[in-house]
Amino acid sequence: MDPSLSHSWRSLNLVYTLTTCTSL
């Protein structure tokens, strides 16, 4: 798996988590 892709996915997942927590 491409490291840059993995990093992007990790960042996206982090943003999603933060957004969800903020919504709550």
N, C-alpha and C. Protein backbone atom coordinates (compact mmCIF):
# COMPACT_ATOMS: atom_id res chain seq x y z
N MET A 1 0.85 -1.20 0.00
CA MET A 1 0.00 0.00 0.00
C MET A 1 0.88 1.25 0.00
N ASP A 2 0.41 2.26 -0.72
CA ASP A 2 1.21 3.48 -0.84
C ASP A 2 1.20 4.26 0.47
N PRO A 3 2.37 4.58 1.01
CA PRO A 3 2.48 5.32 2.28
C PRO A 3 1.72 6.65 2.26
N SER A 4 1.81 7.36 1.15
CA SER A 4 1.13 8.66 1.05
C SER A 4 -0.38 8.48 1.10
N LEU A 5 -0.84 7.40 0.48
CA LEU A 5 -2.27 7.12 0.49
C LEU A 5 -2.72 6.77 1.90
N SER A 6 -1.91 5.98 2.58
CA SER A 6 -2.22 5.59 3.96
C SER A 6 -2.26 6.83 4.85
N HIS A 7 -1.32 7.74 4.62
CA HIS A 7 -1.27 8.97 5.42
C HIS A 7 -2.53 9.81 5.16
N SER A 8 -2.94 9.88 3.91
CA SER A 8 -4.13 10.65 3.55
C SER A 8 -5.36 10.06 4.20
N TRP A 9 -5.45 8.73 4.17
CA TRP A 9 -6.59 8.04 4.78
C TRP A 9 -6.62 8.29 6.29
N ARG A 10 -5.44 8.25 6.92
CA ARG A 10 -5.33 8.49 8.35
C ARG A 10 -5.79 9.92 8.68
N SER A 11 -5.37 10.87 7.88
CA SER A 11 -5.74 12.27 8.09
C SER A 11 -7.24 12.45 7.93
N LEU A 12 -7.78 11.81 6.88
CA LEU A 12 -9.22 11.92 6.63
C LEU A 12 -10.00 11.32 7.79
N ASN A 13 -9.54 10.19 8.29
CA ASN A 13 -10.19 9.52 9.40
C ASN A 13 -10.14 10.41 10.65
N LEU A 14 -9.03 11.08 10.86
CA LEU A 14 -8.87 11.96 12.02
C LEU A 14 -9.86 13.13 11.93
N VAL A 15 -9.96 13.72 10.74
CA VAL A 15 -10.88 14.83 10.53
C VAL A 15 -12.32 14.38 10.76
N TYR A 16 -12.64 13.20 10.26
CA TYR A 16 -13.99 12.65 10.45
C TYR A 16 -14.31 12.47 11.93
N THR A 17 -13.35 11.93 12.66
CA THR A 17 -13.53 11.71 14.11
C THR A 17 -13.73 13.04 14.83
N LEU A 18 -12.92 14.02 14.51
CA LEU A 18 -13.04 15.33 15.15
C LEU A 18 -14.38 15.97 14.84
N THR A 19 -14.81 15.84 13.59
CA THR A 19 -16.09 16.41 13.17
C THR A 19 -17.24 15.76 13.93
N THR A 20 -17.17 14.45 14.06
CA THR A 20 -18.22 13.70 14.76
C THR A 20 -18.26 14.12 16.23
N CYS A 21 -17.12 14.22 16.85
CA CYS A 21 -17.05 14.60 18.26
C CYS A 21 -17.59 16.02 18.46
N THR A 22 -17.28 16.90 17.54
CA THR A 22 -17.74 18.28 17.62
C THR A 22 -19.25 18.34 17.46
N SER A 23 -19.77 17.51 16.56
CA SER A 23 -21.22 17.47 16.33
C SER A 23 -21.96 17.03 17.59
N LEU A 24 -21.37 16.09 18.32
CA LEU A 24 -21.99 15.61 19.55
C LEU A 24 -21.88 16.69 20.63
